C-alpha atoms as a PDB file:
ATOM      1  CA  MET A   1      63.214 -61.257 144.695  1.00  0.00           C
ATOM      2  CA  LYS A   2      61.674 -60.060 148.121  1.00  0.00           C
ATOM      3  CA  MET A   3      58.230 -58.922 147.418  1.00  0.00           C
ATOM      4  CA  ASP A   4      56.625 -56.172 149.470  1.00  0.00           C
ATOM      5  CA  MET A   5      53.406 -57.436 150.779  1.00  0.00           C
ATOM      6  CA  ASN A   6      51.991 -54.137 151.190  1.00  0.00           C
ATOM      7  CA  ALA A   7      52.045 -53.166 147.413  1.00  0.00           C
ATOM      8  CA  LEU A   8      51.381 -56.590 146.651  1.00  0.00           C
ATOM      9  CA  MET A   9      47.737 -56.529 148.227  1.00  0.00           C
ATOM     10  CA  LYS A  10      47.126 -52.616 147.230  1.00  0.00           C
ATOM     11  CA  GLN A  11      47.751 -54.159 143.699  1.00  0.00           C
ATOM     12  CA  ALA A  12      45.252 -56.940 144.458  1.00  0.00           C
ATOM     13  CA  GLN A  13      42.892 -54.560 145.874  1.00  0.00           C
ATOM     14  CA  ALA A  14      43.334 -52.210 142.813  1.00  0.00           C
ATOM     15  CA  LEU A  15      42.812 -55.369 140.311  1.00  0.00           C
ATOM     16  CA  GLN A  16      39.758 -56.406 142.109  1.00  0.00           C
ATOM     17  CA  ALA A  17      38.380 -52.906 141.830  1.00  0.00           C
ATOM     18  CA  GLU A  18      39.080 -52.323 138.106  1.00  0.00           C
ATOM     19  CA  MET A  19      37.424 -55.854 137.575  1.00  0.00           C
ATOM     20  CA  ALA A  20      33.946 -54.875 139.857  1.00  0.00           C
ATOM     21  CA  LYS A  21      34.036 -51.693 137.424  1.00  0.00           C
ATOM     22  CA  LYS A  22      34.676 -53.684 134.027  1.00  0.00           C
ATOM     23  CA  GLN A  23      31.978 -56.198 135.274  1.00  0.00           C
ATOM     24  CA  GLU A  24      29.402 -53.013 135.712  1.00  0.00           C
ATOM     25  CA  GLU A  25      30.246 -52.165 132.455  1.00  0.00           C
ATOM     26  CA  LEU A  26      29.826 -55.469 130.993  1.00  0.00           C
ATOM     27  CA  ALA A  27      26.072 -55.830 132.586  1.00  0.00           C
ATOM     28  CA  ALA A  28      25.102 -52.648 131.242  1.00  0.00           C
ATOM     29  CA  MET A  29      25.973 -53.263 127.454  1.00  0.00           C
ATOM     30  CA  THR A  30      23.424 -55.453 124.967  1.00  0.00           C
ATOM     31  CA  PHE A  31      24.392 -57.404 122.539  1.00  0.00           C
ATOM     32  CA  GLU A  32      22.436 -58.177 119.435  1.00  0.00           C
ATOM     33  CA  ALA A  33      22.050 -61.680 117.317  1.00  0.00           C
ATOM     34  CA  SER A  34      20.239 -62.806 114.885  1.00  0.00           C
ATOM     35  CA  ALA A  35      19.326 -66.307 113.046  1.00  0.00           C
ATOM     36  CA  GLY A  36      17.371 -67.578 109.778  1.00  0.00           C
ATOM     37  CA  GLY A  37      18.405 -64.804 108.236  1.00  0.00           C
ATOM     38  CA  GLY A  38      16.830 -62.520 110.782  1.00  0.00           C
ATOM     39  CA  MET A  39      14.118 -63.698 111.216  1.00  0.00           C
ATOM     40  CA  VAL A  40      14.504 -63.921 114.612  1.00  0.00           C
ATOM     41  CA  THR A  41      16.380 -61.547 116.365  1.00  0.00           C
ATOM     42  CA  ALA A  42      17.528 -61.707 120.516  1.00  0.00           C
ATOM     43  CA  THR A  43      19.313 -58.868 122.014  1.00  0.00           C
ATOM     44  CA  VAL A  44      20.715 -59.410 125.273  1.00  0.00           C
ATOM     45  CA  ASN A  45      22.539 -58.044 128.217  1.00  0.00           C
ATOM     46  CA  GLY A  46      25.994 -58.272 129.836  1.00  0.00           C
ATOM     47  CA  LYS A  47      24.161 -60.239 132.817  1.00  0.00           C
ATOM     48  CA  HIS A  48      23.078 -62.979 130.348  1.00  0.00           C
ATOM     49  CA  GLU A  49      19.674 -61.363 130.166  1.00  0.00           C
ATOM     50  CA  ILE A  50      16.749 -61.247 127.171  1.00  0.00           C
ATOM     51  CA  LEU A  51      15.838 -58.151 126.651  1.00  0.00           C
ATOM     52  CA  LYS A  52      14.004 -58.105 123.451  1.00  0.00           C
ATOM     53  CA  LEU A  53      12.677 -60.861 121.094  1.00  0.00           C
ATOM     54  CA  THR A  54      11.784 -60.037 117.738  1.00  0.00           C
ATOM     55  CA  ILE A  55      10.522 -62.659 115.353  1.00  0.00           C
ATOM     56  CA  ASP A  56       9.446 -62.002 111.566  1.00  0.00           C
ATOM     57  CA  PRO A  57       5.211 -62.019 111.358  1.00  0.00           C
ATOM     58  CA  THR A  58       5.684 -64.037 108.181  1.00  0.00           C
ATOM     59  CA  ILE A  59       7.576 -67.340 109.646  1.00  0.00           C
ATOM     60  CA  VAL A  60       4.976 -67.825 112.259  1.00  0.00           C
ATOM     61  CA  ASP A  61       3.150 -70.687 111.043  1.00  0.00           C
ATOM     62  CA  LYS A  62       2.037 -73.700 113.104  1.00  0.00           C
ATOM     63  CA  ASP A  63       3.703 -76.045 111.054  1.00  0.00           C
ATOM     64  CA  GLU A  64       7.038 -74.462 111.663  1.00  0.00           C
ATOM     65  CA  ILE A  65       6.569 -73.868 115.289  1.00  0.00           C
ATOM     66  CA  ASP A  66       9.892 -76.594 115.753  1.00  0.00           C
ATOM     67  CA  MET A  67      11.951 -74.362 113.101  1.00  0.00           C
ATOM     68  CA  LEU A  68      10.625 -70.994 115.099  1.00  0.00           C
ATOM     69  CA  GLN A  69      12.098 -72.420 118.679  1.00  0.00           C
ATOM     70  CA  ASP A  70      15.029 -73.776 116.769  1.00  0.00           C
ATOM     71  CA  LEU A  71      15.831 -69.983 115.144  1.00  0.00           C
ATOM     72  CA  VAL A  72      15.449 -68.515 119.058  1.00  0.00           C
ATOM     73  CA  VAL A  73      17.523 -70.763 120.914  1.00  0.00           C
ATOM     74  CA  ALA A  74      20.563 -70.037 118.062  1.00  0.00           C
ATOM     75  CA  ALA A  75      19.418 -66.370 118.105  1.00  0.00           C
ATOM     76  CA  VAL A  76      19.735 -66.376 122.029  1.00  0.00           C
ATOM     77  CA  ASN A  77      22.499 -68.477 122.402  1.00  0.00           C
ATOM     78  CA  GLU A  78      24.685 -66.067 119.979  1.00  0.00           C
ATOM     79  CA  GLY A  79      23.626 -63.098 121.405  1.00  0.00           C
ATOM     80  CA  PHE A  80      25.253 -64.872 124.534  1.00  0.00           C
ATOM     81  CA  ARG A  81      28.030 -65.594 122.840  1.00  0.00           C
ATOM     82  CA  ARG A  82      28.492 -62.142 121.944  1.00  0.00           C
ATOM     83  CA  ALA A  83      28.621 -60.839 125.702  1.00  0.00           C
ATOM     84  CA  THR A  84      30.392 -63.570 126.984  1.00  0.00           C
ATOM     85  CA  GLU A  85      33.414 -62.700 124.177  1.00  0.00           C
ATOM     86  CA  ALA A  86      33.118 -58.805 125.324  1.00  0.00           C
ATOM     87  CA  ALA A  87      33.429 -59.582 128.615  1.00  0.00           C
ATOM     88  CA  GLN A  88      36.351 -62.018 128.120  1.00  0.00           C
ATOM     89  CA  SER A  89      37.841 -59.417 125.771  1.00  0.00           C
ATOM     90  CA  SER A  90      37.206 -56.566 128.227  1.00  0.00           C
ATOM     91  CA  LEU A  91      38.945 -58.298 131.478  1.00  0.00           C
ATOM     92  CA  SER A  92      41.908 -60.312 129.610  1.00  0.00           C
ATOM     93  CA  GLY A  93      43.904 -56.923 129.011  1.00  0.00           C
ATOM     94  CA  MET A  94      43.987 -56.457 133.116  1.00  0.00           C
ATOM     95  CA  MET A  95      45.973 -59.606 133.715  1.00  0.00           C
ATOM     96  CA  GLY A  96      48.662 -57.966 131.928  1.00  0.00           C
ATOM     97  CA  GLY A  97      48.861 -55.266 134.535  1.00  0.00           C
ATOM     98  CA  MET A  98      49.042 -57.213 137.364  1.00  0.00           C
ATOM     99  CA  GLY A  99      53.386 -57.107 137.496  1.00  0.00           C
ATOM    100  CA  GLU A 100      54.466 -59.828 140.505  1.00  0.00           C
ATOM    101  CA  LEU A 101      51.600 -61.400 140.586  1.00  0.00           C
ATOM    102  CA  LYS A 102      51.415 -62.618 137.131  1.00  0.00           C
ATOM    103  CA  GLY A 103      54.208 -64.786 138.007  1.00  0.00           C
ATOM    104  CA  MET A 104      52.819 -66.294 141.028  1.00  0.00           C
ATOM    105  CA  PHE A 105      50.304 -68.058 138.827  1.00  0.00           C
ATOM    106  CA  GLY A 106      52.443 -69.929 136.474  1.00  0.00           C
END
């Protein structure tokens, strides 16, 4: 089967533009996650930046600082996981529209 290289290049350029648009959209999205039954909540964006961190004042105790640190790490990591899942979900649908390119990689 002969491939039209111009059509292939146009398809690749369209895919690249669509991916850039999706990345911009994801960067603007926010994701919230909590740990410890809501004692610590982190809000992150699609660029994996922490936008907001909320800590329930009732858990701030000098004897509990290790637990607090663990909860912050858990909440932030969950926020990042959600952002990554959204990115994968959003971008995975694009691969189906690649037509002839799809067969070239596998």
